[in-house]
Each structure stands twice: as C-alpha cells, then as structure tokens.
Amino acid sequence: MSVVKGGVQCTIDFGDGDILLTKVHSDLDAAAAEKALKESYQDIASVSCS
C-alpha cells in the first residue's frame, strides 16, 4: 500500500457526473481513509482512495 507523502488522494463519485477529488491530510493509510469516507458518503457516493 503506497501512501502519498502529505496525504491520501481520494475520489468521491456522486454518480451524476459530479466527481470530487480530495486529498486527505492525515496519518491514515489509503484503506483507512477510504473506510472513513465511505461511512460519511455511504448512501450518496462511491469512494476510492489511493
């Protein structure tokens, strides 16, 4: 698992052509950041982090 220095890059896709790219500046690895965002957006968007 590679972690981008200074944060994790996440894509939040709302399924209607509206895609949000965000950098998560935290100590989380990509999997943990993705899990946290999926809980926040579980019903309205798909999330992937790298």
PDB file of N, CA and C in Angstrom:
ATOM      1  N   MET A   1       0.849  -1.186   0.000  1.00  0.00           N
ATOM      2  CA  MET A   1       0.000   0.000   0.000  1.00  0.00           C
ATOM      3  C   MET A   1       0.887   1.240   0.000  1.00  0.00           C
ATOM      4  N   SER A   2       0.766   2.036  -1.020  1.00  0.00           N
ATOM      5  CA  SER A   2       1.580   3.242  -1.075  1.00  0.00           C
ATOM      6  C   SER A   2       0.792   4.414  -0.518  1.00  0.00           C
ATOM      7  N   VAL A   3       1.445   5.203   0.285  1.00  0.00           N
ATOM      8  CA  VAL A   3       0.807   6.392   0.840  1.00  0.00           C
ATOM      9  C   VAL A   3       1.510   7.608   0.250  1.00  0.00           C
ATOM     10  N   VAL A   4       0.738   8.483  -0.354  1.00  0.00           N
ATOM     11  CA  VAL A   4       1.294   9.699  -0.934  1.00  0.00           C
ATOM     12  C   VAL A   4       1.798  10.585   0.197  1.00  0.00           C
ATOM     13  N   LYS A   5       3.014  11.066   0.059  1.00  0.00           N
ATOM     14  CA  LYS A   5       3.559  11.924   1.109  1.00  0.00           C
ATOM     15  C   LYS A   5       2.679  13.160   1.257  1.00  0.00           C
ATOM     16  N   GLY A   6       2.270  13.428   2.466  1.00  0.00           N
ATOM     17  CA  GLY A   6       1.436  14.593   2.713  1.00  0.00           C
ATOM     18  C   GLY A   6      -0.044  14.302   2.629  1.00  0.00           C
ATOM     19  N   GLY A   7      -0.400  13.039   2.412  1.00  0.00           N
ATOM     20  CA  GLY A   7      -1.815  12.708   2.422  1.00  0.00           C
ATOM     21  C   GLY A   7      -2.181  11.617   1.457  1.00  0.00           C
ATOM     22  N   VAL A   8      -3.447  11.287   1.455  1.00  0.00           N
ATOM     23  CA  VAL A   8      -4.012  10.248   0.612  1.00  0.00           C
ATOM     24  C   VAL A   8      -4.940  10.917  -0.392  1.00  0.00           C
ATOM     25  N   GLN A   9      -4.859  10.523  -1.650  1.00  0.00           N
ATOM     26  CA  GLN A   9      -5.737  11.077  -2.689  1.00  0.00           C
ATOM     27  C   GLN A   9      -7.021  10.250  -2.742  1.00  0.00           C
ATOM     28  N   CYS A  10      -8.156  10.895  -2.601  1.00  0.00           N
ATOM     29  CA  CYS A  10      -9.438  10.195  -2.643  1.00  0.00           C
ATOM     30  C   CYS A  10     -10.338  10.783  -3.726  1.00  0.00           C
ATOM     31  N   THR A  11     -11.105   9.905  -4.351  1.00  0.00           N
ATOM     32  CA  THR A  11     -12.094  10.303  -5.343  1.00  0.00           C
ATOM     33  C   THR A  11     -13.467   9.975  -4.784  1.00  0.00           C
ATOM     34  N   ILE A  12     -14.336  10.956  -4.773  1.00  0.00           N
ATOM     35  CA  ILE A  12     -15.708  10.764  -4.306  1.00  0.00           C
ATOM     36  C   ILE A  12     -16.621  10.979  -5.511  1.00  0.00           C
ATOM     37  N   ASP A  13     -17.280   9.907  -5.951  1.00  0.00           N
ATOM     38  CA  ASP A  13     -18.094   9.938  -7.177  1.00  0.00           C
ATOM     39  C   ASP A  13     -19.572   9.881  -6.803  1.00  0.00           C
ATOM     40  N   PHE A  14     -20.281  10.960  -7.106  1.00  0.00           N
ATOM     41  CA  PHE A  14     -21.698  11.042  -6.747  1.00  0.00           C
ATOM     42  C   PHE A  14     -22.605  10.389  -7.782  1.00  0.00           C
ATOM     43  N   GLY A  15     -22.030   9.849  -8.845  1.00  0.00           N
ATOM     44  CA  GLY A  15     -22.805   9.065  -9.798  1.00  0.00           C
ATOM     45  C   GLY A  15     -23.590   9.873 -10.810  1.00  0.00           C
ATOM     46  N   ASP A  16     -23.506  11.195 -10.731  1.00  0.00           N
ATOM     47  CA  ASP A  16     -24.271  12.034 -11.659  1.00  0.00           C
ATOM     48  C   ASP A  16     -23.316  12.905 -12.478  1.00  0.00           C
ATOM     49  N   GLY A  17     -22.071  12.448 -12.583  1.00  0.00           N
ATOM     50  CA  GLY A  17     -21.075  13.208 -13.303  1.00  0.00           C
ATOM     51  C   GLY A  17     -20.318  14.173 -12.405  1.00  0.00           C
ATOM     52  N   ASP A  18     -20.731  14.255 -11.158  1.00  0.00           N
ATOM     53  CA  ASP A  18     -20.087  15.140 -10.196  1.00  0.00           C
ATOM     54  C   ASP A  18     -19.062  14.338  -9.403  1.00  0.00           C
ATOM     55  N   ILE A  19     -17.786  14.557  -9.692  1.00  0.00           N
ATOM     56  CA  ILE A  19     -16.729  13.808  -9.030  1.00  0.00           C
ATOM     57  C   ILE A  19     -15.851  14.775  -8.254  1.00  0.00           C
ATOM     58  N   LEU A  20     -15.653  14.472  -6.994  1.00  0.00           N
ATOM     59  CA  LEU A  20     -14.849  15.309  -6.124  1.00  0.00           C
ATOM     60  C   LEU A  20     -13.512  14.623  -5.866  1.00  0.00           C
ATOM     61  N   LEU A  21     -12.428  15.316  -6.200  1.00  0.00           N
ATOM     62  CA  LEU A  21     -11.101  14.814  -5.876  1.00  0.00           C
ATOM     63  C   LEU A  21     -10.656  15.521  -4.615  1.00  0.00           C
ATOM     64  N   THR A  22     -10.202  14.773  -3.648  1.00  0.00           N
ATOM     65  CA  THR A  22      -9.796  15.386  -2.402  1.00  0.00           C
ATOM     66  C   THR A  22      -8.536  14.731  -1.880  1.00  0.00           C
ATOM     67  N   LYS A  23      -7.741  15.513  -1.209  1.00  0.00           N
ATOM     68  CA  LYS A  23      -6.564  14.969  -0.543  1.00  0.00           C
ATOM     69  C   LYS A  23      -6.858  14.937   0.938  1.00  0.00           C
ATOM     70  N   VAL A  24      -6.645  13.790   1.535  1.00  0.00           N
ATOM     71  CA  VAL A  24      -6.868  13.633   2.970  1.00  0.00           C
ATOM     72  C   VAL A  24      -5.518  13.760   3.654  1.00  0.00           C
ATOM     73  N   HIS A  25      -5.343  14.845   4.382  1.00  0.00           N
ATOM     74  CA  HIS A  25      -4.078  15.048   5.084  1.00  0.00           C
ATOM     75  C   HIS A  25      -4.220  14.477   6.486  1.00  0.00           C
ATOM     76  N   SER A  26      -3.686  13.292   6.663  1.00  0.00           N
ATOM     77  CA  SER A  26      -3.845  12.626   7.947  1.00  0.00           C
ATOM     78  C   SER A  26      -2.819  11.521   8.079  1.00  0.00           C
ATOM     79  N   ASP A  27      -2.862  10.854   9.180  1.00  0.00           N
ATOM     80  CA  ASP A  27      -1.968   9.727   9.413  1.00  0.00           C
ATOM     81  C   ASP A  27      -2.567   8.431   8.885  1.00  0.00           C
ATOM     82  N   LEU A  28      -3.760   8.515   8.322  1.00  0.00           N
ATOM     83  CA  LEU A  28      -4.425   7.317   7.826  1.00  0.00           C
ATOM     84  C   LEU A  28      -3.755   6.815   6.558  1.00  0.00           C
ATOM     85  N   ASP A  29      -3.756   5.498   6.380  1.00  0.00           N
ATOM     86  CA  ASP A  29      -3.347   4.962   5.086  1.00  0.00           C
ATOM     87  C   ASP A  29      -4.564   5.009   4.157  1.00  0.00           C
ATOM     88  N   ALA A  30      -4.367   4.638   2.913  1.00  0.00           N
ATOM     89  CA  ALA A  30      -5.450   4.775   1.937  1.00  0.00           C
ATOM     90  C   ALA A  30      -6.676   3.964   2.339  1.00  0.00           C
ATOM     91  N   ALA A  31      -6.473   2.755   2.825  1.00  0.00           N
ATOM     92  CA  ALA A  31      -7.604   1.896   3.197  1.00  0.00           C
ATOM     93  C   ALA A  31      -8.415   2.502   4.339  1.00  0.00           C
ATOM     94  N   ALA A  32      -7.731   3.043   5.337  1.00  0.00           N
ATOM     95  CA  ALA A  32      -8.425   3.639   6.480  1.00  0.00           C
ATOM     96  C   ALA A  32      -9.158   4.916   6.082  1.00  0.00           C
ATOM     97  N   ALA A  33      -8.524   5.718   5.236  1.00  0.00           N
ATOM     98  CA  ALA A  33      -9.173   6.946   4.768  1.00  0.00           C
ATOM     99  C   ALA A  33     -10.409   6.613   3.949  1.00  0.00           C
ATOM    100  N   GLU A  34     -10.285   5.595   3.092  1.00  0.00           N
ATOM    101  CA  GLU A  34     -11.412   5.184   2.252  1.00  0.00           C
ATOM    102  C   GLU A  34     -12.570   4.699   3.118  1.00  0.00           C
ATOM    103  N   LYS A  35     -12.270   3.915   4.145  1.00  0.00           N
ATOM    104  CA  LYS A  35     -13.311   3.411   5.040  1.00  0.00           C
ATOM    105  C   LYS A  35     -14.029   4.569   5.741  1.00  0.00           C
ATOM    106  N   ALA A  36     -13.273   5.541   6.216  1.00  0.00           N
ATOM    107  CA  ALA A  36     -13.873   6.686   6.912  1.00  0.00           C
ATOM    108  C   ALA A  36     -14.762   7.491   5.978  1.00  0.00           C
ATOM    109  N   LEU A  37     -14.287   7.737   4.751  1.00  0.00           N
ATOM    110  CA  LEU A  37     -15.092   8.498   3.794  1.00  0.00           C
ATOM    111  C   LEU A  37     -16.316   7.723   3.351  1.00  0.00           C
ATOM    112  N   LYS A  38     -16.181   6.401   3.196  1.00  0.00           N
ATOM    113  CA  LYS A  38     -17.335   5.593   2.794  1.00  0.00           C
ATOM    114  C   LYS A  38     -18.433   5.673   3.833  1.00  0.00           C
ATOM    115  N   GLU A  39     -18.060   5.748   5.116  1.00  0.00           N
ATOM    116  CA  GLU A  39     -19.069   5.884   6.159  1.00  0.00           C
ATOM    117  C   GLU A  39     -19.771   7.234   6.048  1.00  0.00           C
ATOM    118  N   SER A  40     -19.032   8.267   5.694  1.00  0.00           N
ATOM    119  CA  SER A  40     -19.623   9.603   5.563  1.00  0.00           C
ATOM    120  C   SER A  40     -20.544   9.709   4.352  1.00  0.00           C
ATOM    121  N   TYR A  41     -20.160   9.037   3.254  1.00  0.00           N
ATOM    122  CA  TYR A  41     -20.878   9.189   1.984  1.00  0.00           C
ATOM    123  C   TYR A  41     -21.602   7.915   1.572  1.00  0.00           C
ATOM    124  N   GLN A  42     -21.864   7.034   2.524  1.00  0.00           N
ATOM    125  CA  GLN A  42     -22.315   5.683   2.181  1.00  0.00           C
ATOM    126  C   GLN A  42     -23.550   5.635   1.280  1.00  0.00           C
ATOM    127  N   ASP A  43     -24.461   6.566   1.429  1.00  0.00           N
ATOM    128  CA  ASP A  43     -25.703   6.490   0.669  1.00  0.00           C
ATOM    129  C   ASP A  43     -25.707   7.366  -0.583  1.00  0.00           C
ATOM    130  N   ILE A  44     -24.698   8.244  -0.716  1.00  0.00           N
ATOM    131  CA  ILE A  44     -24.775   9.219  -1.805  1.00  0.00           C
ATOM    132  C   ILE A  44     -23.620   9.168  -2.780  1.00  0.00           C
ATOM    133  N   ALA A  45     -22.562   8.432  -2.471  1.00  0.00           N
ATOM    134  CA  ALA A  45     -21.405   8.447  -3.371  1.00  0.00           C
ATOM    135  C   ALA A  45     -20.549   7.195  -3.190  1.00  0.00           C
ATOM    136  N   SER A  46     -19.786   6.891  -4.227  1.00  0.00           N
ATOM    137  CA  SER A  46     -18.788   5.838  -4.099  1.00  0.00           C
ATOM    138  C   SER A  46     -17.432   6.500  -3.892  1.00  0.00           C
ATOM    139  N   VAL A  47     -16.602   5.873  -3.077  1.00  0.00           N
ATOM    140  CA  VAL A  47     -15.338   6.463  -2.673  1.00  0.00           C
ATOM    141  C   VAL A  47     -14.197   5.506  -3.004  1.00  0.00           C
ATOM    142  N   SER A  48     -13.115   6.057  -3.545  1.00  0.00           N
ATOM    143  CA  SER A  48     -11.906   5.259  -3.684  1.00  0.00           C
ATOM    144  C   SER A  48     -10.706   6.122  -3.341  1.00  0.00           C
ATOM    145  N   CYS A  49      -9.769   5.549  -2.617  1.00  0.00           N
ATOM    146  CA  CYS A  49      -8.585   6.283  -2.191  1.00  0.00           C
ATOM    147  C   CYS A  49      -7.334   5.532  -2.611  1.00  0.00           C
ATOM    148  N   SER A  50      -6.280   6.280  -2.834  1.00  0.00           N
ATOM    149  CA  SER A  50      -5.007   5.658  -3.150  1.00  0.00           C
ATOM    150  C   SER A  50      -3.864   6.466  -2.562  1.00  0.00           C
TER     151      SER A  50
END
